[in-house]
Amino acid sequence: MKYLTLAFITTFFAQGALAETVNYSCTMTKRDSHGWIAKEYAFRVDAENKAALVADNPEWLATRFKDRGAKGYRLSWNRTMTASAGGNLRVRYQANLNPTKKSVTVRMAFVSTNASNKPYGTGTCLIQK
C-alpha cells in the first residue's frame, strides 16, 4: 500500500511537470514596410491551460488563445499606439503560430479607424529553453 501511494503521488506530480510553458522566439522574415509589424516577437505558450503571452514593447501582454489543432495556435491581442500625426490608434494583432513548422504569421488591423490596409508579416521561430 505504501508503494502504491508513492507511485500515485509520483505519477500525479509527473503529469503536472509535463504541462509546461514553451517559449518561442520569432524573427520576421517578410513584413510590411510601414513598421506596424515588429522585427521580432516572443511568445510564451501554455497549450494545456489554453493561455499565452506575447512580448510587446517590452512588456508581456496576455493574449486570447485558440488551439487550431494541426494548424497550430491563434493568438490575438489589442494595443493602443500613438499615430505619427498625433492621437491614439487602437490596433488588433493576430498571430498564427505553427509549432510543428516553427513558423508564424502576424496580421494587424486598425480598430478605431476605417483604414483598409492590414499590415502582414511572416517569420520563423526558435524554441527557447
N, C-alpha and C. Protein backbone atom coordinates (compact mmCIF):
# COMPACT_ATOMS: atom_id res chain seq x y z
N MET A 1 0.82 -1.19 0.00
CA MET A 1 0.00 0.00 0.00
C MET A 1 0.87 1.25 0.00
N LYS A 2 1.96 1.17 0.76
CA LYS A 2 2.88 2.30 0.84
C LYS A 2 3.46 2.64 -0.53
N TYR A 3 3.80 1.59 -1.31
CA TYR A 3 4.38 1.81 -2.63
C TYR A 3 3.33 2.29 -3.64
N LEU A 4 2.09 1.85 -3.46
CA LEU A 4 1.02 2.29 -4.33
C LEU A 4 0.76 3.78 -4.15
N THR A 5 0.76 4.26 -2.91
CA THR A 5 0.59 5.69 -2.64
C THR A 5 1.75 6.49 -3.22
N LEU A 6 2.96 5.99 -3.05
CA LEU A 6 4.14 6.66 -3.60
C LEU A 6 4.07 6.72 -5.13
N ALA A 7 3.64 5.63 -5.75
CA ALA A 7 3.50 5.61 -7.21
C ALA A 7 2.45 6.61 -7.68
N PHE A 8 1.34 6.69 -6.95
CA PHE A 8 0.29 7.66 -7.29
C PHE A 8 0.79 9.09 -7.20
N ILE A 9 1.47 9.42 -6.12
CA ILE A 9 1.99 10.78 -5.93
C ILE A 9 3.01 11.11 -7.00
N THR A 10 3.89 10.17 -7.32
CA THR A 10 4.90 10.40 -8.37
C THR A 10 4.24 10.64 -9.72
N THR A 11 3.23 9.82 -10.05
CA THR A 11 2.52 9.98 -11.32
C THR A 11 1.78 11.32 -11.37
N PHE A 12 1.14 11.69 -10.27
CA PHE A 12 0.41 12.95 -10.21
C PHE A 12 1.31 14.15 -10.47
N PHE A 13 2.45 14.20 -9.80
CA PHE A 13 3.36 15.33 -9.98
C PHE A 13 4.09 15.27 -11.31
N ALA A 14 4.31 14.09 -11.86
CA ALA A 14 4.96 13.99 -13.17
C ALA A 14 4.05 14.54 -14.25
N GLN A 15 2.75 14.31 -14.16
CA GLN A 15 1.83 14.86 -15.14
C GLN A 15 1.78 16.37 -15.06
N GLY A 16 1.87 16.92 -13.87
CA GLY A 16 1.91 18.37 -13.70
C GLY A 16 3.15 18.97 -14.31
N ALA A 17 4.26 18.22 -14.26
CA ALA A 17 5.51 18.71 -14.82
C ALA A 17 5.47 18.71 -16.34
N LEU A 18 4.66 17.82 -16.93
CA LEU A 18 4.57 17.77 -18.39
C LEU A 18 3.90 19.02 -18.95
N ALA A 19 2.99 19.61 -18.19
CA ALA A 19 2.30 20.81 -18.63
C ALA A 19 3.20 22.01 -18.37
N GLU A 20 4.00 22.35 -19.35
CA GLU A 20 4.93 23.46 -19.17
C GLU A 20 4.74 24.50 -20.25
N THR A 21 5.26 25.65 -19.98
CA THR A 21 5.21 26.75 -20.92
C THR A 21 6.34 26.59 -21.94
N VAL A 22 6.01 26.79 -23.20
CA VAL A 22 7.00 26.75 -24.27
C VAL A 22 7.25 28.17 -24.74
N ASN A 23 8.51 28.57 -24.79
CA ASN A 23 8.89 29.92 -25.22
C ASN A 23 9.34 29.89 -26.68
N TYR A 24 8.74 30.74 -27.49
CA TYR A 24 9.09 30.85 -28.90
C TYR A 24 9.70 32.22 -29.15
N SER A 25 10.81 32.25 -29.84
CA SER A 25 11.44 33.49 -30.27
C SER A 25 11.35 33.52 -31.79
N CYS A 26 10.59 34.47 -32.31
CA CYS A 26 10.30 34.51 -33.74
C CYS A 26 10.90 35.74 -34.40
N THR A 27 11.56 35.54 -35.52
CA THR A 27 12.13 36.61 -36.33
C THR A 27 11.32 36.72 -37.60
N MET A 28 10.84 37.92 -37.87
CA MET A 28 10.02 38.13 -39.05
C MET A 28 10.93 38.24 -40.28
N THR A 29 10.68 37.40 -41.28
CA THR A 29 11.50 37.40 -42.49
C THR A 29 10.89 38.27 -43.59
N LYS A 30 9.57 38.39 -43.61
CA LYS A 30 8.88 39.27 -44.55
C LYS A 30 7.88 40.08 -43.75
N ARG A 31 7.88 41.39 -43.96
CA ARG A 31 6.93 42.24 -43.24
C ARG A 31 6.65 43.49 -44.03
N ASP A 32 5.58 44.18 -43.65
CA ASP A 32 5.19 45.41 -44.34
C ASP A 32 6.27 46.48 -44.16
N SER A 33 6.27 47.45 -45.01
CA SER A 33 7.32 48.47 -44.99
C SER A 33 6.98 49.68 -44.13
N HIS A 34 5.89 49.64 -43.41
CA HIS A 34 5.48 50.81 -42.64
C HIS A 34 5.73 50.69 -41.14
N GLY A 35 6.32 49.61 -40.69
CA GLY A 35 6.71 49.47 -39.30
C GLY A 35 5.63 49.00 -38.34
N TRP A 36 4.48 48.58 -38.83
CA TRP A 36 3.43 48.12 -37.94
C TRP A 36 3.70 46.71 -37.42
N ILE A 37 4.45 45.95 -38.17
CA ILE A 37 4.83 44.59 -37.77
C ILE A 37 6.27 44.66 -37.26
N ALA A 38 6.49 44.18 -36.05
CA ALA A 38 7.81 44.24 -35.43
C ALA A 38 8.80 43.29 -36.11
N LYS A 39 10.09 43.53 -35.88
CA LYS A 39 11.12 42.66 -36.44
C LYS A 39 11.15 41.30 -35.74
N GLU A 40 10.80 41.30 -34.45
CA GLU A 40 10.84 40.07 -33.65
C GLU A 40 9.63 40.03 -32.72
N TYR A 41 9.19 38.81 -32.44
CA TYR A 41 8.15 38.57 -31.45
C TYR A 41 8.59 37.42 -30.56
N ALA A 42 8.15 37.45 -29.32
CA ALA A 42 8.39 36.35 -28.39
C ALA A 42 7.04 35.94 -27.82
N PHE A 43 6.82 34.64 -27.76
CA PHE A 43 5.57 34.10 -27.25
C PHE A 43 5.86 33.09 -26.16
N ARG A 44 5.03 33.08 -25.12
CA ARG A 44 5.04 32.05 -24.08
C ARG A 44 3.70 31.34 -24.17
N VAL A 45 3.74 30.07 -24.54
CA VAL A 45 2.51 29.33 -24.79
C VAL A 45 2.37 28.19 -23.80
N ASP A 46 1.23 28.14 -23.13
CA ASP A 46 0.86 27.03 -22.26
C ASP A 46 -0.39 26.42 -22.88
N ALA A 47 -0.18 25.47 -23.81
CA ALA A 47 -1.28 24.92 -24.59
C ALA A 47 -2.27 24.15 -23.72
N GLU A 48 -1.79 23.47 -22.71
CA GLU A 48 -2.69 22.67 -21.87
C GLU A 48 -3.68 23.55 -21.12
N ASN A 49 -3.23 24.68 -20.64
CA ASN A 49 -4.10 25.62 -19.92
C ASN A 49 -4.73 26.66 -20.83
N LYS A 50 -4.47 26.55 -22.13
CA LYS A 50 -5.02 27.47 -23.14
C LYS A 50 -4.74 28.92 -22.79
N ALA A 51 -3.46 29.21 -22.59
CA ALA A 51 -3.04 30.57 -22.24
C ALA A 51 -1.74 30.88 -22.98
N ALA A 52 -1.55 32.16 -23.28
CA ALA A 52 -0.32 32.59 -23.95
C ALA A 52 -0.05 34.06 -23.64
N LEU A 53 1.22 34.42 -23.73
CA LEU A 53 1.67 35.80 -23.58
C LEU A 53 2.48 36.16 -24.80
N VAL A 54 2.51 37.45 -25.12
CA VAL A 54 3.35 37.95 -26.21
C VAL A 54 4.19 39.09 -25.65
N ALA A 55 5.46 39.14 -26.03
CA ALA A 55 6.33 40.26 -25.64
C ALA A 55 6.08 41.38 -26.63
N ASP A 56 5.61 42.51 -26.11
CA ASP A 56 5.27 43.63 -26.97
C ASP A 56 5.75 44.92 -26.33
N ASN A 57 6.86 45.41 -26.76
CA ASN A 57 7.47 46.69 -26.36
C ASN A 57 7.45 46.99 -24.88
N PRO A 58 8.25 46.68 -24.07
CA PRO A 58 8.99 45.47 -23.70
C PRO A 58 8.21 44.61 -22.72
N GLU A 59 6.91 44.87 -22.55
CA GLU A 59 6.13 44.15 -21.55
C GLU A 59 5.48 42.90 -22.14
N TRP A 60 5.13 41.98 -21.28
CA TRP A 60 4.41 40.77 -21.67
C TRP A 60 2.92 41.05 -21.55
N LEU A 61 2.18 40.80 -22.63
CA LEU A 61 0.73 41.02 -22.67
C LEU A 61 0.01 39.68 -22.79
N ALA A 62 -1.10 39.55 -22.08
CA ALA A 62 -1.93 38.36 -22.21
C ALA A 62 -2.62 38.38 -23.58
N THR A 63 -2.82 37.22 -24.14
CA THR A 63 -3.48 37.10 -25.44
C THR A 63 -4.71 36.22 -25.32
N ARG A 64 -5.57 36.34 -26.31
CA ARG A 64 -6.65 35.37 -26.45
C ARG A 64 -6.03 34.19 -27.19
N PHE A 65 -6.31 32.98 -26.74
CA PHE A 65 -5.65 31.78 -27.24
C PHE A 65 -6.67 30.83 -27.84
N LYS A 66 -6.34 30.29 -29.01
CA LYS A 66 -7.18 29.27 -29.63
C LYS A 66 -6.28 28.20 -30.22
N ASP A 67 -6.52 26.95 -29.81
CA ASP A 67 -5.79 25.82 -30.38
C ASP A 67 -6.52 25.38 -31.64
N ARG A 68 -5.84 25.44 -32.78
CA ARG A 68 -6.45 25.11 -34.06
C ARG A 68 -6.03 23.73 -34.55
N GLY A 69 -5.60 22.87 -33.64
CA GLY A 69 -5.20 21.51 -34.00
C GLY A 69 -3.94 21.49 -34.83
N ALA A 70 -3.99 20.85 -35.99
CA ALA A 70 -2.82 20.71 -36.85
C ALA A 70 -2.34 22.05 -37.42
N LYS A 71 -3.21 23.06 -37.41
CA LYS A 71 -2.84 24.38 -37.93
C LYS A 71 -2.05 25.20 -36.90
N GLY A 72 -1.98 24.74 -35.66
CA GLY A 72 -1.22 25.46 -34.64
C GLY A 72 -2.12 26.28 -33.73
N TYR A 73 -1.60 27.41 -33.28
CA TYR A 73 -2.30 28.26 -32.32
C TYR A 73 -2.61 29.62 -32.93
N ARG A 74 -3.75 30.18 -32.55
CA ARG A 74 -4.08 31.54 -32.93
C ARG A 74 -4.05 32.39 -31.67
N LEU A 75 -3.25 33.44 -31.69
CA LEU A 75 -3.11 34.35 -30.55
C LEU A 75 -3.52 35.74 -31.02
N SER A 76 -4.30 36.45 -30.22
CA SER A 76 -4.68 37.82 -30.60
C SER A 76 -4.63 38.71 -29.37
N TRP A 77 -4.26 39.97 -29.63
CA TRP A 77 -4.16 40.97 -28.56
C TRP A 77 -4.38 42.35 -29.14
N ASN A 78 -4.76 43.29 -28.26
CA ASN A 78 -5.01 44.68 -28.67
C ASN A 78 -3.96 45.59 -28.07
N ARG A 79 -3.69 46.68 -28.76
CA ARG A 79 -2.78 47.72 -28.27
C ARG A 79 -3.33 49.09 -28.63
N THR A 80 -2.94 50.08 -27.86
CA THR A 80 -3.21 51.48 -28.21
C THR A 80 -1.86 52.09 -28.54
N MET A 81 -1.73 52.60 -29.77
CA MET A 81 -0.46 53.15 -30.24
C MET A 81 -0.65 54.62 -30.61
N THR A 82 0.44 55.37 -30.56
CA THR A 82 0.41 56.77 -30.94
C THR A 82 0.65 56.89 -32.44
N ALA A 83 -0.22 57.60 -33.12
CA ALA A 83 -0.09 57.81 -34.56
C ALA A 83 0.96 58.87 -34.85
N SER A 84 1.56 58.81 -36.02
CA SER A 84 2.59 59.79 -36.38
C SER A 84 2.00 61.20 -36.50
N ALA A 85 0.73 61.30 -36.83
CA ALA A 85 0.07 62.60 -36.93
C ALA A 85 -0.50 63.07 -35.60
N GLY A 86 -0.28 62.30 -34.55
CA GLY A 86 -0.81 62.63 -33.23
C GLY A 86 -2.07 61.85 -32.95
N GLY A 87 -2.40 61.76 -31.70
CA GLY A 87 -3.59 60.99 -31.30
C GLY A 87 -3.26 59.52 -31.11
N ASN A 88 -4.24 58.80 -30.63
CA ASN A 88 -4.06 57.38 -30.37
C ASN A 88 -4.83 56.53 -31.36
N LEU A 89 -4.27 55.39 -31.69
CA LEU A 89 -4.93 54.42 -32.56
C LEU A 89 -5.05 53.10 -31.81
N ARG A 90 -6.23 52.51 -31.86
CA ARG A 90 -6.39 51.17 -31.31
C ARG A 90 -6.16 50.18 -32.44
N VAL A 91 -5.30 49.21 -32.18
CA VAL A 91 -4.98 48.20 -33.19
C VAL A 91 -5.14 46.81 -32.59
N ARG A 92 -5.43 45.85 -33.45
CA ARG A 92 -5.58 44.46 -33.04
C ARG A 92 -4.56 43.61 -33.82
N TYR A 93 -3.80 42.84 -33.09
CA TYR A 93 -2.83 41.93 -33.70
C TYR A 93 -3.36 40.50 -33.60
N GLN A 94 -3.03 39.71 -34.62
CA GLN A 94 -3.35 38.29 -34.61
C GLN A 94 -2.14 37.53 -35.13
N ALA A 95 -1.70 36.56 -34.35
CA ALA A 95 -0.57 35.73 -34.75
C ALA A 95 -1.04 34.30 -34.90
N ASN A 96 -0.67 33.67 -36.00
CA ASN A 96 -0.92 32.25 -36.21
C ASN A 96 0.43 31.56 -36.07
N LEU A 97 0.61 30.85 -34.97
CA LEU A 97 1.87 30.21 -34.63
C LEU A 97 1.74 28.71 -34.90
N ASN A 98 2.59 28.19 -35.76
CA ASN A 98 2.59 26.77 -36.08
C ASN A 98 3.83 26.13 -35.46
N PRO A 99 3.68 25.42 -34.33
CA PRO A 99 4.85 24.86 -33.65
C PRO A 99 5.52 23.73 -34.41
N THR A 100 4.79 22.99 -35.25
CA THR A 100 5.42 21.90 -35.99
C THR A 100 6.28 22.43 -37.14
N LYS A 101 5.83 23.48 -37.81
CA LYS A 101 6.62 24.09 -38.89
C LYS A 101 7.56 25.17 -38.38
N LYS A 102 7.40 25.54 -37.10
CA LYS A 102 8.18 26.62 -36.48
C LYS A 102 8.06 27.90 -37.30
N SER A 103 6.82 28.25 -37.61
CA SER A 103 6.56 29.46 -38.39
C SER A 103 5.47 30.28 -37.72
N VAL A 104 5.42 31.56 -38.09
CA VAL A 104 4.42 32.47 -37.56
C VAL A 104 4.01 33.45 -38.66
N THR A 105 2.73 33.80 -38.66
CA THR A 105 2.24 34.90 -39.48
C THR A 105 1.55 35.88 -38.53
N VAL A 106 1.80 37.15 -38.72
CA VAL A 106 1.22 38.19 -37.87
C VAL A 106 0.46 39.17 -38.75
N ARG A 107 -0.77 39.45 -38.37
CA ARG A 107 -1.60 40.44 -39.06
C ARG A 107 -1.97 41.53 -38.06
N MET A 108 -2.18 42.71 -38.57
CA MET A 108 -2.59 43.83 -37.73
C MET A 108 -3.75 44.53 -38.41
N ALA A 109 -4.73 44.94 -37.63
CA ALA A 109 -5.88 45.68 -38.17
C ALA A 109 -6.15 46.89 -37.29
N PHE A 110 -6.54 47.98 -37.92
CA PHE A 110 -6.90 49.20 -37.20
C PHE A 110 -8.32 49.05 -36.68
N VAL A 111 -8.51 49.21 -35.38
CA VAL A 111 -9.82 49.04 -34.76
C VAL A 111 -10.59 50.35 -34.75
N SER A 112 -9.92 51.44 -34.43
CA SER A 112 -10.61 52.71 -34.20
C SER A 112 -10.72 53.59 -35.44
N THR A 113 -10.19 53.17 -36.56
CA THR A 113 -10.30 53.97 -37.79
C THR A 113 -10.83 53.09 -38.91
N ASN A 114 -11.21 53.71 -39.98
CA ASN A 114 -11.76 52.99 -41.11
C ASN A 114 -10.67 52.79 -42.17
N ALA A 115 -9.52 52.27 -41.76
CA ALA A 115 -8.41 52.06 -42.69
C ALA A 115 -8.55 50.68 -43.35
N SER A 116 -8.27 50.64 -44.62
CA SER A 116 -8.43 49.37 -45.35
C SER A 116 -7.15 48.54 -45.38
N ASN A 117 -6.01 49.17 -45.10
CA ASN A 117 -4.77 48.38 -45.14
C ASN A 117 -4.64 47.55 -43.87
N LYS A 118 -4.15 46.32 -44.02
CA LYS A 118 -3.94 45.40 -42.91
C LYS A 118 -2.52 44.86 -43.02
N PRO A 119 -1.59 45.48 -42.30
CA PRO A 119 -0.19 45.03 -42.36
C PRO A 119 -0.05 43.56 -42.01
N TYR A 120 0.93 42.93 -42.62
CA TYR A 120 1.09 41.48 -42.56
C TYR A 120 2.57 41.14 -42.54
N GLY A 121 2.92 40.08 -41.84
CA GLY A 121 4.30 39.61 -41.84
C GLY A 121 4.38 38.12 -41.59
N THR A 122 5.46 37.51 -42.05
CA THR A 122 5.71 36.09 -41.81
C THR A 122 7.10 35.93 -41.22
N GLY A 123 7.29 34.85 -40.49
CA GLY A 123 8.59 34.64 -39.88
C GLY A 123 8.82 33.20 -39.46
N THR A 124 10.01 32.97 -38.93
CA THR A 124 10.40 31.66 -38.42
C THR A 124 10.66 31.76 -36.93
N CYS A 125 10.48 30.66 -36.23
CA CYS A 125 10.58 30.66 -34.77
C CYS A 125 11.58 29.62 -34.29
N LEU A 126 12.18 29.93 -33.16
CA LEU A 126 13.03 29.00 -32.44
C LEU A 126 12.42 28.77 -31.08
N ILE A 127 12.54 27.54 -30.58
CA ILE A 127 12.05 27.23 -29.25
C ILE A 127 13.17 27.53 -28.28
N GLN A 128 12.87 28.37 -27.29
CA GLN A 128 13.85 28.76 -26.26
C GLN A 128 13.62 27.91 -25.03
N LYS A 129 14.68 27.44 -24.45
CA LYS A 129 14.58 26.63 -23.21
C LYS A 129 14.61 27.51 -22.00
